[in-house]
């Protein structure tokens, strides 16, 4: 006949386990920058102006010359987007201005062409902007500080030359992430 020995477990073991889990959860919540929830309250700026831009020159010949120049510059800036994200945003403004100037110069073909280019390019840039904001949110949620830092820098490059609460929030978020990167020995690449 075999005898089985039953070991008694102290009632403190499950309670201690719950306390450890609770403390770990609180530490995780406190770990990230206090600004994590601020993203929900701060509106990211629009990439295009609320009002349609107007042509900045007057007169039929100068208007059409300016329209062609703005379109050419928009195309050049669009090509620079992978290397200089702010140029992609500037291209949106230039396509819109070119369209307005073509309209003022009664060139419907030019207007339609630049409006189509504006719509297509706006979709590309807006998709990238939304993807970066989502990537930042996920990196923060998962406490992937290096990814969060890189994404903050990319968003700042995309929105270069702008100011406002969202840019202030990005700068405030970047600073502790850079300090953390420096403390981890991963270094911080200033952009």
C-alpha atoms as a PDB file:
ATOM      1  CA  UNK A   1       0.000   0.000   0.000  1.00  0.00           C
ATOM      2  CA  UNK A   2       1.462   3.301  -1.053  1.00  0.00           C
ATOM      3  CA  UNK A   3       1.002   6.379   0.915  1.00  0.00           C
ATOM      4  CA  UNK A   4       0.699   9.791  -0.689  1.00  0.00           C
ATOM      5  CA  UNK A   5       1.850  12.756   1.187  1.00  0.00           C
ATOM      6  CA  UNK A   6      -0.019  15.962   0.726  1.00  0.00           C
ATOM      7  CA  UNK A   7       1.864  19.180   1.264  1.00  0.00           C
ATOM      8  CA  UNK A   8      -0.106  22.038   2.656  1.00  0.00           C
ATOM      9  CA  UNK A   9       0.248  25.319   0.864  1.00  0.00           C
ATOM     10  CA  UNK A  10       0.171  28.420   2.929  1.00  0.00           C
ATOM     11  CA  UNK A  11      -2.767  30.739   2.156  1.00  0.00           C
ATOM     12  CA  UNK A  12      -0.224  33.524   1.814  1.00  0.00           C
ATOM     13  CA  UNK A  13       1.245  32.079  -1.408  1.00  0.00           C
ATOM     14  CA  UNK A  14      -1.712  33.008  -3.683  1.00  0.00           C
ATOM     15  CA  UNK A  15      -2.025  36.388  -1.995  1.00  0.00           C
ATOM     16  CA  UNK A  16       1.699  37.034  -2.438  1.00  0.00           C
ATOM     17  CA  UNK A  17       1.377  36.066  -6.109  1.00  0.00           C
ATOM     18  CA  UNK A  18      -1.448  38.529  -6.618  1.00  0.00           C
ATOM     19  CA  UNK A  19       0.530  41.257  -4.889  1.00  0.00           C
ATOM     20  CA  UNK A  20       3.524  40.621  -7.164  1.00  0.00           C
ATOM     21  CA  UNK A  21       1.303  40.839 -10.251  1.00  0.00           C
ATOM     22  CA  UNK A  22      -0.323  44.024  -8.984  1.00  0.00           C
ATOM     23  CA  UNK A  23       3.053  45.648  -8.255  1.00  0.00           C
ATOM     24  CA  UNK A  24       4.378  44.621 -11.683  1.00  0.00           C
ATOM     25  CA  UNK A  25       1.314  46.121 -13.334  1.00  0.00           C
ATOM     26  CA  UNK A  26       1.691  49.397 -11.469  1.00  0.00           C
ATOM     27  CA  UNK A  27       5.399  49.550 -12.271  1.00  0.00           C
ATOM     28  CA  UNK A  28       4.620  49.044 -15.957  1.00  0.00           C
ATOM     29  CA  UNK A  29       2.068  51.844 -15.913  1.00  0.00           C
ATOM     30  CA  UNK A  30       4.486  54.212 -14.200  1.00  0.00           C
ATOM     31  CA  UNK A  31       7.427  53.214 -16.420  1.00  0.00           C
ATOM     32  CA  UNK A  32       6.494  55.142 -19.553  1.00  0.00           C
ATOM     33  CA  UNK A  33       6.509  58.910 -19.840  1.00  0.00           C
ATOM     34  CA  UNK A  34       3.610  60.576 -18.106  1.00  0.00           C
ATOM     35  CA  UNK A  35       2.657  61.983 -21.483  1.00  0.00           C
ATOM     36  CA  UNK A  36       1.358  58.641 -22.847  1.00  0.00           C
ATOM     37  CA  UNK A  37      -2.283  59.599 -22.313  1.00  0.00           C
ATOM     38  CA  UNK A  38      -1.750  63.141 -23.590  1.00  0.00           C
ATOM     39  CA  UNK A  39      -1.814  61.884 -27.190  1.00  0.00           C
ATOM     40  CA  UNK A  40      -5.523  61.168 -26.838  1.00  0.00           C
ATOM     41  CA  UNK A  41      -6.211  64.754 -25.822  1.00  0.00           C
ATOM     42  CA  UNK A  42      -3.903  66.589 -28.245  1.00  0.00           C
ATOM     43  CA  UNK A  43      -5.103  66.857 -31.818  1.00  0.00           C
ATOM     44  CA  UNK A  44      -2.447  66.119 -34.428  1.00  0.00           C
ATOM     45  CA  UNK A  45      -2.266  68.989 -36.913  1.00  0.00           C
ATOM     46  CA  UNK A  46      -3.765  68.622 -40.363  1.00  0.00           C
ATOM     47  CA  UNK A  47      -1.280  68.361 -43.201  1.00  0.00           C
ATOM     48  CA  UNK A  48      -3.295  70.594 -45.504  1.00  0.00           C
ATOM     49  CA  UNK A  49      -4.752  74.004 -44.689  1.00  0.00           C
ATOM     50  CA  UNK A  50      -8.455  74.222 -43.883  1.00  0.00           C
ATOM     51  CA  UNK A  51      -8.921  76.889 -46.559  1.00  0.00           C
ATOM     52  CA  UNK A  52      -7.966  76.338 -50.181  1.00  0.00           C
ATOM     53  CA  UNK A  53      -4.908  78.441 -50.983  1.00  0.00           C
ATOM     54  CA  UNK A  54      -5.152  81.304 -53.408  1.00  0.00           C
ATOM     55  CA  UNK A  55      -2.748  82.162 -56.134  1.00  0.00           C
ATOM     56  CA  UNK A  56      -0.145  84.566 -54.778  1.00  0.00           C
ATOM     57  CA  UNK A  57       0.304  86.472 -58.046  1.00  0.00           C
ATOM     58  CA  UNK A  58      -2.029  88.489 -60.259  1.00  0.00           C
ATOM     59  CA  UNK A  59      -2.406  88.769 -64.024  1.00  0.00           C
ATOM     60  CA  UNK A  60      -2.957  86.092 -66.668  1.00  0.00           C
ATOM     61  CA  UNK A  61       0.651  85.564 -67.813  1.00  0.00           C
ATOM     62  CA  UNK A  62       2.277  85.778 -64.353  1.00  0.00           C
ATOM     63  CA  UNK A  63      -0.442  83.548 -62.885  1.00  0.00           C
ATOM     64  CA  UNK A  64       0.171  80.767 -65.394  1.00  0.00           C
ATOM     65  CA  UNK A  65       3.953  81.114 -65.077  1.00  0.00           C
ATOM     66  CA  UNK A  66       3.623  80.870 -61.318  1.00  0.00           C
ATOM     67  CA  UNK A  67       1.274  77.882 -61.645  1.00  0.00           C
ATOM     68  CA  UNK A  68       3.837  76.011 -63.737  1.00  0.00           C
ATOM     69  CA  UNK A  69       6.632  76.912 -61.310  1.00  0.00           C
ATOM     70  CA  UNK A  70       4.595  75.782 -58.298  1.00  0.00           C
ATOM     71  CA  UNK A  71       3.688  72.513 -60.038  1.00  0.00           C
ATOM     72  CA  UNK A  72       7.328  71.880 -60.979  1.00  0.00           C
ATOM     73  CA  UNK A  73       8.481  72.615 -57.427  1.00  0.00           C
ATOM     74  CA  UNK A  74       5.730  70.362 -56.023  1.00  0.00           C
ATOM     75  CA  UNK A  75       6.899  67.499 -58.229  1.00  0.00           C
ATOM     76  CA  UNK A  76      10.498  68.010 -57.091  1.00  0.00           C
ATOM     77  CA  UNK A  77       9.510  68.108 -53.421  1.00  0.00           C
ATOM     78  CA  UNK A  78       7.359  65.011 -53.860  1.00  0.00           C
ATOM     79  CA  UNK A  79      10.460  63.166 -55.110  1.00  0.00           C
ATOM     80  CA  UNK A  80      12.379  64.279 -52.005  1.00  0.00           C
ATOM     81  CA  UNK A  81       9.748  62.898 -49.600  1.00  0.00           C
ATOM     82  CA  UNK A  82      11.591  59.650 -48.771  1.00  0.00           C
ATOM     83  CA  UNK A  83      14.663  61.669 -47.793  1.00  0.00           C
ATOM     84  CA  UNK A  84      13.070  64.819 -46.402  1.00  0.00           C
ATOM     85  CA  UNK A  85       9.521  64.170 -45.126  1.00  0.00           C
ATOM     86  CA  UNK A  86       8.716  67.873 -44.703  1.00  0.00           C
ATOM     87  CA  UNK A  87       9.176  68.310 -48.462  1.00  0.00           C
ATOM     88  CA  UNK A  88       6.305  65.892 -49.031  1.00  0.00           C
ATOM     89  CA  UNK A  89       4.052  68.099 -46.926  1.00  0.00           C
ATOM     90  CA  UNK A  90       5.291  71.220 -48.731  1.00  0.00           C
ATOM     91  CA  UNK A  91       4.390  69.535 -52.035  1.00  0.00           C
ATOM     92  CA  UNK A  92       0.757  69.431 -50.894  1.00  0.00           C
ATOM     93  CA  UNK A  93       0.687  73.200 -50.470  1.00  0.00           C
ATOM     94  CA  UNK A  94       2.437  73.739 -53.797  1.00  0.00           C
ATOM     95  CA  UNK A  95       0.056  71.466 -55.718  1.00  0.00           C
ATOM     96  CA  UNK A  96      -2.872  73.345 -54.180  1.00  0.00           C
ATOM     97  CA  UNK A  97      -1.386  76.714 -55.063  1.00  0.00           C
ATOM     98  CA  UNK A  98      -0.595  75.574 -58.605  1.00  0.00           C
ATOM     99  CA  UNK A  99      -4.181  74.430 -58.998  1.00  0.00           C
ATOM    100  CA  UNK A 100      -5.482  77.790 -57.770  1.00  0.00           C
ATOM    101  CA  UNK A 101      -3.197  79.660 -60.148  1.00  0.00           C
ATOM    102  CA  UNK A 102      -4.196  77.482 -63.101  1.00  0.00           C
ATOM    103  CA  UNK A 103      -7.838  78.165 -62.218  1.00  0.00           C
ATOM    104  CA  UNK A 104      -7.175  81.937 -62.035  1.00  0.00           C
ATOM    105  CA  UNK A 105      -5.464  81.727 -65.425  1.00  0.00           C
ATOM    106  CA  UNK A 106      -8.422  79.839 -66.943  1.00  0.00           C
ATOM    107  CA  UNK A 107      -6.281  76.740 -67.627  1.00  0.00           C
ATOM    108  CA  UNK A 108      -8.714  73.954 -66.739  1.00  0.00           C
ATOM    109  CA  UNK A 109      -6.342  71.220 -67.943  1.00  0.00           C
ATOM    110  CA  UNK A 110      -3.589  72.434 -65.609  1.00  0.00           C
ATOM    111  CA  UNK A 111      -6.077  72.881 -62.785  1.00  0.00           C
ATOM    112  CA  UNK A 112      -7.458  69.357 -63.195  1.00  0.00           C
ATOM    113  CA  UNK A 113      -3.967  67.835 -63.485  1.00  0.00           C
ATOM    114  CA  UNK A 114      -2.692  69.530 -60.315  1.00  0.00           C
ATOM    115  CA  UNK A 115      -5.902  68.777 -58.404  1.00  0.00           C
ATOM    116  CA  UNK A 116      -5.530  65.095 -59.284  1.00  0.00           C
ATOM    117  CA  UNK A 117      -1.853  65.187 -58.268  1.00  0.00           C
ATOM    118  CA  UNK A 118      -2.854  66.894 -55.017  1.00  0.00           C
ATOM    119  CA  UNK A 119      -5.495  64.257 -54.185  1.00  0.00           C
ATOM    120  CA  UNK A 120      -3.156  61.367 -55.004  1.00  0.00           C
ATOM    121  CA  UNK A 121      -0.236  62.846 -53.102  1.00  0.00           C
ATOM    122  CA  UNK A 122      -2.402  63.784 -50.135  1.00  0.00           C
ATOM    123  CA  UNK A 123      -3.469  60.141 -49.837  1.00  0.00           C
ATOM    124  CA  UNK A 124       0.177  58.990 -49.766  1.00  0.00           C
ATOM    125  CA  UNK A 125       1.343  61.560 -47.223  1.00  0.00           C
ATOM    126  CA  UNK A 126      -1.755  61.177 -45.038  1.00  0.00           C
ATOM    127  CA  UNK A 127      -1.310  57.405 -44.979  1.00  0.00           C
ATOM    128  CA  UNK A 128       2.315  57.790 -43.875  1.00  0.00           C
ATOM    129  CA  UNK A 129       1.304  60.338 -41.216  1.00  0.00           C
ATOM    130  CA  UNK A 130      -1.414  58.061 -39.830  1.00  0.00           C
ATOM    131  CA  UNK A 131       0.957  55.079 -39.852  1.00  0.00           C
ATOM    132  CA  UNK A 132       3.571  57.029 -37.877  1.00  0.00           C
ATOM    133  CA  UNK A 133       1.019  58.135 -35.279  1.00  0.00           C
ATOM    134  CA  UNK A 134      -0.200  54.550 -34.894  1.00  0.00           C
ATOM    135  CA  UNK A 135       3.371  53.254 -34.696  1.00  0.00           C
ATOM    136  CA  UNK A 136       4.104  55.730 -31.906  1.00  0.00           C
ATOM    137  CA  UNK A 137       0.990  54.686 -30.003  1.00  0.00           C
ATOM    138  CA  UNK A 138       1.896  50.992 -30.275  1.00  0.00           C
ATOM    139  CA  UNK A 139       5.524  51.608 -29.307  1.00  0.00           C
ATOM    140  CA  UNK A 140       4.401  53.530 -26.219  1.00  0.00           C
ATOM    141  CA  UNK A 141       1.841  50.902 -25.256  1.00  0.00           C
ATOM    142  CA  UNK A 142       4.422  48.145 -25.590  1.00  0.00           C
ATOM    143  CA  UNK A 143       7.156  50.257 -23.944  1.00  0.00           C
ATOM    144  CA  UNK A 144       9.451  49.948 -26.955  1.00  0.00           C
ATOM    145  CA  UNK A 145      11.363  53.127 -26.217  1.00  0.00           C
ATOM    146  CA  UNK A 146      13.787  52.899 -29.162  1.00  0.00           C
ATOM    147  CA  UNK A 147      10.889  52.542 -31.628  1.00  0.00           C
ATOM    148  CA  UNK A 148       9.000  55.361 -29.921  1.00  0.00           C
ATOM    149  CA  UNK A 149      12.040  57.647 -30.126  1.00  0.00           C
ATOM    150  CA  UNK A 150      12.615  56.912 -33.812  1.00  0.00           C
ATOM    151  CA  UNK A 151       8.929  57.492 -34.570  1.00  0.00           C
ATOM    152  CA  UNK A 152       8.847  60.782 -32.642  1.00  0.00           C
ATOM    153  CA  UNK A 153      11.832  61.956 -34.686  1.00  0.00           C
ATOM    154  CA  UNK A 154      10.134  60.927 -37.937  1.00  0.00           C
ATOM    155  CA  UNK A 155       6.957  62.778 -36.980  1.00  0.00           C
ATOM    156  CA  UNK A 156       8.984  65.870 -36.096  1.00  0.00           C
ATOM    157  CA  UNK A 157      10.731  65.707 -39.478  1.00  0.00           C
ATOM    158  CA  UNK A 158       7.393  65.329 -41.257  1.00  0.00           C
ATOM    159  CA  UNK A 159       5.935  68.329 -39.399  1.00  0.00           C
ATOM    160  CA  UNK A 160       9.105  70.423 -39.561  1.00  0.00           C
ATOM    161  CA  UNK A 161       8.451  74.146 -39.590  1.00  0.00           C
ATOM    162  CA  UNK A 162       5.157  73.857 -37.727  1.00  0.00           C
ATOM    163  CA  UNK A 163       4.361  74.617 -34.127  1.00  0.00           C
ATOM    164  CA  UNK A 164       1.548  73.916 -31.728  1.00  0.00           C
ATOM    165  CA  UNK A 165       0.478  71.612 -28.916  1.00  0.00           C
ATOM    166  CA  UNK A 166       1.146  68.373 -30.820  1.00  0.00           C
ATOM    167  CA  UNK A 167       4.705  69.419 -31.690  1.00  0.00           C
ATOM    168  CA  UNK A 168       5.251  70.540 -28.094  1.00  0.00           C
ATOM    169  CA  UNK A 169       4.010  67.147 -26.911  1.00  0.00           C
ATOM    170  CA  UNK A 170       6.367  65.337 -29.299  1.00  0.00           C
ATOM    171  CA  UNK A 171       9.318  67.381 -27.991  1.00  0.00           C
ATOM    172  CA  UNK A 172       8.354  66.640 -24.386  1.00  0.00           C
ATOM    173  CA  UNK A 173       8.052  62.957 -25.245  1.00  0.00           C
ATOM    174  CA  UNK A 174      11.369  62.888 -27.119  1.00  0.00           C
ATOM    175  CA  UNK A 175      13.462  64.262 -24.240  1.00  0.00           C
ATOM    176  CA  UNK A 176      12.971  61.390 -21.749  1.00  0.00           C
ATOM    177  CA  UNK A 177      13.237  58.862 -24.568  1.00  0.00           C
ATOM    178  CA  UNK A 178      16.607  60.331 -25.580  1.00  0.00           C
ATOM    179  CA  UNK A 179      17.788  60.278 -21.963  1.00  0.00           C
ATOM    180  CA  UNK A 180      16.690  56.638 -21.714  1.00  0.00           C
ATOM    181  CA  UNK A 181      18.473  55.790 -24.977  1.00  0.00           C
ATOM    182  CA  UNK A 182      21.636  57.452 -23.646  1.00  0.00           C
ATOM    183  CA  UNK A 183      21.361  55.583 -20.351  1.00  0.00           C
ATOM    184  CA  UNK A 184      20.909  52.273 -22.203  1.00  0.00           C
ATOM    185  CA  UNK A 185      24.060  52.914 -24.173  1.00  0.00           C
ATOM    186  CA  UNK A 186      22.186  52.900 -27.454  1.00  0.00           C
ATOM    187  CA  UNK A 187      23.035  56.551 -27.989  1.00  0.00           C
ATOM    188  CA  UNK A 188      20.760  59.198 -29.373  1.00  0.00           C
ATOM    189  CA  UNK A 189      20.959  60.254 -32.951  1.00  0.00           C
ATOM    190  CA  UNK A 190      20.019  63.881 -33.129  1.00  0.00           C
ATOM    191  CA  UNK A 191      18.075  64.878 -36.225  1.00  0.00           C
END
